[in-house]
Amino acid sequence: MAMNTETYGFAAPLMARISETRSRIAERAEEYRLYRRTLTELRNLNARELADLGLAHADLRAVAKGAAAK
């Protein structure tokens, strides 16, 4: 009688997928932190400082999103 003793054949690809997913979550979390930090800093600028940078208040989210994108 033959027995199959390899029961972990699926574990390696599964562990790789879990590791990849954790990495993506960590990357997204870091991007979000950078986005929030940038947005907060930009929102702390007054209208004159924003104008000096060539920005309008309505542009802040897009600028912060661009800064956080890889």
PDB file of N, CA and C in Angstrom:
ATOM      1  N   MET A   1       0.846  -1.170   0.000  1.00  0.00           N
ATOM      2  CA  MET A   1       0.000   0.000   0.000  1.00  0.00           C
ATOM      3  C   MET A   1       0.896   1.240   0.000  1.00  0.00           C
ATOM      4  N   ALA A   2       0.648   2.147  -0.929  1.00  0.00           N
ATOM      5  CA  ALA A   2       1.452   3.368  -1.044  1.00  0.00           C
ATOM      6  C   ALA A   2       0.753   4.503  -0.295  1.00  0.00           C
ATOM      7  N   MET A   3       1.572   5.325   0.334  1.00  0.00           N
ATOM      8  CA  MET A   3       1.025   6.481   1.059  1.00  0.00           C
ATOM      9  C   MET A   3       1.657   7.748   0.517  1.00  0.00           C
ATOM     10  N   ASN A   4       0.876   8.753   0.399  1.00  0.00           N
ATOM     11  CA  ASN A   4       1.387  10.059  -0.005  1.00  0.00           C
ATOM     12  C   ASN A   4       1.732  10.824   1.267  1.00  0.00           C
ATOM     13  N   THR A   5       3.027  11.084   1.458  1.00  0.00           N
ATOM     14  CA  THR A   5       3.442  11.771   2.678  1.00  0.00           C
ATOM     15  C   THR A   5       3.642  13.258   2.453  1.00  0.00           C
ATOM     16  N   GLU A   6       3.512  13.721   1.219  1.00  0.00           N
ATOM     17  CA  GLU A   6       3.680  15.142   0.944  1.00  0.00           C
ATOM     18  C   GLU A   6       2.342  15.846   1.121  1.00  0.00           C
ATOM     19  N   THR A   7       2.165  16.445   2.274  1.00  0.00           N
ATOM     20  CA  THR A   7       0.907  17.127   2.567  1.00  0.00           C
ATOM     21  C   THR A   7       1.045  18.633   2.513  1.00  0.00           C
ATOM     22  N   TYR A   8       2.272  19.128   2.316  1.00  0.00           N
ATOM     23  CA  TYR A   8       2.498  20.562   2.338  1.00  0.00           C
ATOM     24  C   TYR A   8       2.796  21.124   0.952  1.00  0.00           C
ATOM     25  N   GLY A   9       2.436  20.432  -0.093  1.00  0.00           N
ATOM     26  CA  GLY A   9       2.698  20.889  -1.445  1.00  0.00           C
ATOM     27  C   GLY A   9       2.016  22.202  -1.769  1.00  0.00           C
ATOM     28  N   PHE A  10       0.889  22.478  -1.175  1.00  0.00           N
ATOM     29  CA  PHE A  10       0.158  23.722  -1.424  1.00  0.00           C
ATOM     30  C   PHE A  10       0.640  24.854  -0.531  1.00  0.00           C
ATOM     31  N   ALA A  11       1.383  24.540   0.513  1.00  0.00           N
ATOM     32  CA  ALA A  11       1.749  25.545   1.506  1.00  0.00           C
ATOM     33  C   ALA A  11       2.714  26.590   0.954  1.00  0.00           C
ATOM     34  N   ALA A  12       3.665  26.185   0.138  1.00  0.00           N
ATOM     35  CA  ALA A  12       4.654  27.150  -0.371  1.00  0.00           C
ATOM     36  C   ALA A  12       3.986  28.243  -1.208  1.00  0.00           C
ATOM     37  N   PRO A  13       3.159  27.910  -2.204  1.00  0.00           N
ATOM     38  CA  PRO A  13       2.503  28.989  -2.957  1.00  0.00           C
ATOM     39  C   PRO A  13       1.553  29.818  -2.087  1.00  0.00           C
ATOM     40  N   LEU A  14       0.905  29.193  -1.163  1.00  0.00           N
ATOM     41  CA  LEU A  14       0.000  29.913  -0.271  1.00  0.00           C
ATOM     42  C   LEU A  14       0.782  30.887   0.599  1.00  0.00           C
ATOM     43  N   MET A  15       1.888  30.437   1.151  1.00  0.00           N
ATOM     44  CA  MET A  15       2.708  31.310   1.991  1.00  0.00           C
ATOM     45  C   MET A  15       3.282  32.464   1.171  1.00  0.00           C
ATOM     46  N   ALA A  16       3.649  32.201  -0.084  1.00  0.00           N
ATOM     47  CA  ALA A  16       4.156  33.265  -0.954  1.00  0.00           C
ATOM     48  C   ALA A  16       3.066  34.304  -1.202  1.00  0.00           C
ATOM     49  N   ARG A  17       1.838  33.860  -1.433  1.00  0.00           N
ATOM     50  CA  ARG A  17       0.729  34.789  -1.654  1.00  0.00           C
ATOM     51  C   ARG A  17       0.440  35.606  -0.402  1.00  0.00           C
ATOM     52  N   ILE A  18       0.492  34.958   0.746  1.00  0.00           N
ATOM     53  CA  ILE A  18       0.258  35.672   2.007  1.00  0.00           C
ATOM     54  C   ILE A  18       1.345  36.714   2.224  1.00  0.00           C
ATOM     55  N   SER A  19       2.590  36.340   1.969  1.00  0.00           N
ATOM     56  CA  SER A  19       3.707  37.264   2.126  1.00  0.00           C
ATOM     57  C   SER A  19       3.568  38.448   1.163  1.00  0.00           C
ATOM     58  N   GLU A  20       3.205  38.167  -0.069  1.00  0.00           N
ATOM     59  CA  GLU A  20       3.003  39.228  -1.068  1.00  0.00           C
ATOM     60  C   GLU A  20       1.869  40.161  -0.656  1.00  0.00           C
ATOM     61  N   THR A  21       0.797  39.606  -0.148  1.00  0.00           N
ATOM     62  CA  THR A  21      -0.335  40.413   0.297  1.00  0.00           C
ATOM     63  C   THR A  21       0.064  41.299   1.473  1.00  0.00           C
ATOM     64  N   ARG A  22       0.808  40.746   2.416  1.00  0.00           N
ATOM     65  CA  ARG A  22       1.271  41.542   3.559  1.00  0.00           C
ATOM     66  C   ARG A  22       2.173  42.678   3.100  1.00  0.00           C
ATOM     67  N   SER A  23       3.024  42.403   2.123  1.00  0.00           N
ATOM     68  CA  SER A  23       3.909  43.443   1.585  1.00  0.00           C
ATOM     69  C   SER A  23       3.109  44.551   0.924  1.00  0.00           C
ATOM     70  N   ARG A  24       2.102  44.177   0.132  1.00  0.00           N
ATOM     71  CA  ARG A  24       1.253  45.182  -0.525  1.00  0.00           C
ATOM     72  C   ARG A  24       0.503  46.020   0.499  1.00  0.00           C
ATOM     73  N   ILE A  25       0.006  45.392   1.545  1.00  0.00           N
ATOM     74  CA  ILE A  25      -0.702  46.132   2.594  1.00  0.00           C
ATOM     75  C   ILE A  25       0.246  47.110   3.272  1.00  0.00           C
ATOM     76  N   ALA A  26       1.459  46.677   3.565  1.00  0.00           N
ATOM     77  CA  ALA A  26       2.448  47.558   4.198  1.00  0.00           C
ATOM     78  C   ALA A  26       2.784  48.734   3.277  1.00  0.00           C
ATOM     79  N   GLU A  27       2.945  48.474   1.977  1.00  0.00           N
ATOM     80  CA  GLU A  27       3.226  49.545   1.019  1.00  0.00           C
ATOM     81  C   GLU A  27       2.081  50.547   0.970  1.00  0.00           C
ATOM     82  N   ARG A  28       0.870  50.041   0.897  1.00  0.00           N
ATOM     83  CA  ARG A  28      -0.302  50.924   0.850  1.00  0.00           C
ATOM     84  C   ARG A  28      -0.418  51.750   2.118  1.00  0.00           C
ATOM     85  N   ALA A  29      -0.140  51.149   3.257  1.00  0.00           N
ATOM     86  CA  ALA A  29      -0.211  51.875   4.526  1.00  0.00           C
ATOM     87  C   ALA A  29       0.824  52.993   4.550  1.00  0.00           C
ATOM     88  N   GLU A  30       2.025  52.708   4.064  1.00  0.00           N
ATOM     89  CA  GLU A  30       3.069  53.736   4.027  1.00  0.00           C
ATOM     90  C   GLU A  30       2.699  54.853   3.049  1.00  0.00           C
ATOM     91  N   GLU A  31       2.144  54.495   1.900  1.00  0.00           N
ATOM     92  CA  GLU A  31       1.689  55.507   0.947  1.00  0.00           C
ATOM     93  C   GLU A  31       0.609  56.388   1.563  1.00  0.00           C
ATOM     94  N   TYR A  32      -0.308  55.779   2.293  1.00  0.00           N
ATOM     95  CA  TYR A  32      -1.381  56.548   2.916  1.00  0.00           C
ATOM     96  C   TYR A  32      -0.828  57.494   3.983  1.00  0.00           C
ATOM     97  N   ARG A  33       0.130  57.000   4.791  1.00  0.00           N
ATOM     98  CA  ARG A  33       0.745  57.868   5.802  1.00  0.00           C
ATOM     99  C   ARG A  33       1.440  59.057   5.147  1.00  0.00           C
ATOM    100  N   LEU A  34       2.150  58.813   4.037  1.00  0.00           N
ATOM    101  CA  LEU A  34       2.814  59.896   3.325  1.00  0.00           C
ATOM    102  C   LEU A  34       1.791  60.876   2.752  1.00  0.00           C
ATOM    103  N   TYR A  35       0.709  60.344   2.200  1.00  0.00           N
ATOM    104  CA  TYR A  35      -0.373  61.188   1.672  1.00  0.00           C
ATOM    105  C   TYR A  35      -0.939  62.088   2.773  1.00  0.00           C
ATOM    106  N   ARG A  36      -1.271  61.494   3.917  1.00  0.00           N
ATOM    107  CA  ARG A  36      -1.862  62.270   5.019  1.00  0.00           C
ATOM    108  C   ARG A  36      -0.886  63.317   5.553  1.00  0.00           C
ATOM    109  N   ARG A  37       0.389  62.929   5.694  1.00  0.00           N
ATOM    110  CA  ARG A  37       1.392  63.863   6.198  1.00  0.00           C
ATOM    111  C   ARG A  37       1.567  65.037   5.232  1.00  0.00           C
ATOM    112  N   THR A  38       1.635  64.739   3.935  1.00  0.00           N
ATOM    113  CA  THR A  38       1.785  65.790   2.919  1.00  0.00           C
ATOM    114  C   THR A  38       0.562  66.691   2.900  1.00  0.00           C
ATOM    115  N   LEU A  39      -0.611  66.096   2.934  1.00  0.00           N
ATOM    116  CA  LEU A  39      -1.841  66.879   2.919  1.00  0.00           C
ATOM    117  C   LEU A  39      -1.927  67.788   4.142  1.00  0.00           C
ATOM    118  N   THR A  40      -1.567  67.284   5.296  1.00  0.00           N
ATOM    119  CA  THR A  40      -1.583  68.093   6.518  1.00  0.00           C
ATOM    120  C   THR A  40      -0.630  69.278   6.406  1.00  0.00           C
ATOM    121  N   GLU A  41       0.566  69.013   5.899  1.00  0.00           N
ATOM    122  CA  GLU A  41       1.540  70.097   5.749  1.00  0.00           C
ATOM    123  C   GLU A  41       1.045  71.154   4.764  1.00  0.00           C
ATOM    124  N   LEU A  42       0.464  70.713   3.654  1.00  0.00           N
ATOM    125  CA  LEU A  42      -0.048  71.666   2.672  1.00  0.00           C
ATOM    126  C   LEU A  42      -1.226  72.467   3.230  1.00  0.00           C
ATOM    127  N   ARG A  43      -2.072  71.809   3.998  1.00  0.00           N
ATOM    128  CA  ARG A  43      -3.221  72.515   4.575  1.00  0.00           C
ATOM    129  C   ARG A  43      -2.807  73.532   5.627  1.00  0.00           C
ATOM    130  N   ASN A  44      -1.623  73.368   6.185  1.00  0.00           N
ATOM    131  CA  ASN A  44      -1.124  74.316   7.171  1.00  0.00           C
ATOM    132  C   ASN A  44      -0.564  75.583   6.533  1.00  0.00           C
ATOM    133  N   LEU A  45      -0.402  75.585   5.224  1.00  0.00           N
ATOM    134  CA  LEU A  45       0.085  76.778   4.526  1.00  0.00           C
ATOM    135  C   LEU A  45      -1.060  77.761   4.328  1.00  0.00           C
ATOM    136  N   ASN A  46      -0.741  79.043   4.391  1.00  0.00           N
ATOM    137  CA  ASN A  46      -1.788  80.033   4.143  1.00  0.00           C
ATOM    138  C   ASN A  46      -1.916  80.282   2.639  1.00  0.00           C
ATOM    139  N   ALA A  47      -2.894  81.076   2.248  1.00  0.00           N
ATOM    140  CA  ALA A  47      -3.184  81.316   0.829  1.00  0.00           C
ATOM    141  C   ALA A  47      -1.990  81.932   0.107  1.00  0.00           C
ATOM    142  N   ARG A  48      -1.283  82.808   0.780  1.00  0.00           N
ATOM    143  CA  ARG A  48      -0.119  83.460   0.170  1.00  0.00           C
ATOM    144  C   ARG A  48       0.987  82.434  -0.120  1.00  0.00           C
ATOM    145  N   GLU A  49       1.250  81.566   0.841  1.00  0.00           N
ATOM    146  CA  GLU A  49       2.281  80.545   0.651  1.00  0.00           C
ATOM    147  C   GLU A  49       1.897  79.555  -0.448  1.00  0.00           C
ATOM    148  N   LEU A  50       0.619  79.188  -0.500  1.00  0.00           N
ATOM    149  CA  LEU A  50       0.146  78.311  -1.571  1.00  0.00           C
ATOM    150  C   LEU A  50       0.308  78.982  -2.935  1.00  0.00           C
ATOM    151  N   ALA A  51      -0.025  80.272  -3.001  1.00  0.00           N
ATOM    152  CA  ALA A  51       0.111  81.010  -4.258  1.00  0.00           C
ATOM    153  C   ALA A  51       1.577  81.068  -4.679  1.00  0.00           C
ATOM    154  N   ASP A  52       2.479  81.241  -3.735  1.00  0.00           N
ATOM    155  CA  ASP A  52       3.905  81.249  -4.048  1.00  0.00           C
ATOM    156  C   ASP A  52       4.359  79.916  -4.653  1.00  0.00           C
ATOM    157  N   LEU A  53       3.719  78.844  -4.238  1.00  0.00           N
ATOM    158  CA  LEU A  53       4.035  77.518  -4.774  1.00  0.00           C
ATOM    159  C   LEU A  53       3.269  77.219  -6.063  1.00  0.00           C
ATOM    160  N   GLY A  54       2.379  78.126  -6.436  1.00  0.00           N
ATOM    161  CA  GLY A  54       1.568  77.916  -7.631  1.00  0.00           C
ATOM    162  C   GLY A  54       0.437  76.939  -7.417  1.00  0.00           C
ATOM    163  N   LEU A  55      -0.042  76.866  -6.188  1.00  0.00           N
ATOM    164  CA  LEU A  55      -1.109  75.929  -5.847  1.00  0.00           C
ATOM    165  C   LEU A  55      -2.351  76.665  -5.378  1.00  0.00           C
ATOM    166  N   ALA A  56      -3.476  76.063  -5.639  1.00  0.00           N
ATOM    167  CA  ALA A  56      -4.742  76.530  -5.083  1.00  0.00           C
ATOM    168  C   ALA A  56      -5.170  75.511  -4.031  1.00  0.00           C
ATOM    169  N   HIS A  57      -6.018  75.941  -3.136  1.00  0.00           N
ATOM    170  CA  HIS A  57      -6.475  75.046  -2.077  1.00  0.00           C
ATOM    171  C   HIS A  57      -7.138  73.796  -2.656  1.00  0.00           C
ATOM    172  N   ALA A  58      -7.802  73.937  -3.796  1.00  0.00           N
ATOM    173  CA  ALA A  58      -8.486  72.808  -4.426  1.00  0.00           C
ATOM    174  C   ALA A  58      -7.506  71.766  -4.976  1.00  0.00           C
ATOM    175  N   ASP A  59      -6.240  72.133  -5.148  1.00  0.00           N
ATOM    176  CA  ASP A  59      -5.237  71.223  -5.707  1.00  0.00           C
ATOM    177  C   ASP A  59      -4.570  70.345  -4.661  1.00  0.00           C
ATOM    178  N   LEU A  60      -4.779  70.609  -3.410  1.00  0.00           N
ATOM    179  CA  LEU A  60      -3.982  69.978  -2.367  1.00  0.00           C
ATOM    180  C   LEU A  60      -4.080  68.454  -2.354  1.00  0.00           C
ATOM    181  N   ARG A  61      -5.262  67.905  -2.500  1.00  0.00           N
ATOM    182  CA  ARG A  61      -5.416  66.454  -2.478  1.00  0.00           C
ATOM    183  C   ARG A  61      -4.670  65.806  -3.632  1.00  0.00           C
ATOM    184  N   ALA A  62      -4.788  66.394  -4.811  1.00  0.00           N
ATOM    185  CA  ALA A  62      -4.108  65.840  -5.980  1.00  0.00           C
ATOM    186  C   ALA A  62      -2.596  65.898  -5.810  1.00  0.00           C
ATOM    187  N   VAL A  63      -2.091  66.998  -5.269  1.00  0.00           N
ATOM    188  CA  VAL A  63      -0.662  67.127  -5.044  1.00  0.00           C
ATOM    189  C   VAL A  63      -0.189  66.109  -4.019  1.00  0.00           C
ATOM    190  N   ALA A  64      -0.922  65.954  -2.940  1.00  0.00           N
ATOM    191  CA  ALA A  64      -0.556  64.975  -1.907  1.00  0.00           C
ATOM    192  C   ALA A  64      -0.619  63.553  -2.459  1.00  0.00           C
ATOM    193  N   LYS A  65      -1.619  63.272  -3.283  1.00  0.00           N
ATOM    194  CA  LYS A  65      -1.735  61.950  -3.881  1.00  0.00           C
ATOM    195  C   LYS A  65      -0.556  61.678  -4.808  1.00  0.00           C
ATOM    196  N   GLY A  66      -0.167  62.699  -5.568  1.00  0.00           N
ATOM    197  CA  GLY A  66       0.981  62.559  -6.443  1.00  0.00           C
ATOM    198  C   GLY A  66       2.283  62.341  -5.681  1.00  0.00           C
ATOM    199  N   ALA A  67       2.408  63.001  -4.549  1.00  0.00           N
ATOM    200  CA  ALA A  67       3.609  62.847  -3.737  1.00  0.00           C
ATOM    201  C   ALA A  67       3.703  61.451  -3.131  1.00  0.00           C
ATOM    202  N   ALA A  68       2.566  60.860  -2.841  1.00  0.00           N
ATOM    203  CA  ALA A  68       2.559  59.542  -2.205  1.00  0.00           C
ATOM    204  C   ALA A  68       2.643  58.398  -3.216  1.00  0.00           C
ATOM    205  N   ALA A  69       2.342  58.663  -4.467  1.00  0.00           N
ATOM    206  CA  ALA A  69       2.355  57.612  -5.495  1.00  0.00           C
ATOM    207  C   ALA A  69       3.789  57.213  -5.805  1.00  0.00           C
ATOM    208  N   LYS A  70       3.938  55.957  -6.082  1.00  0.00           N
ATOM    209  CA  LYS A  70       5.281  55.467  -6.419  1.00  0.00           C
ATOM    210  C   LYS A  70       5.439  55.320  -7.884  1.00  0.00           C
TER     211      LYS A  70
END
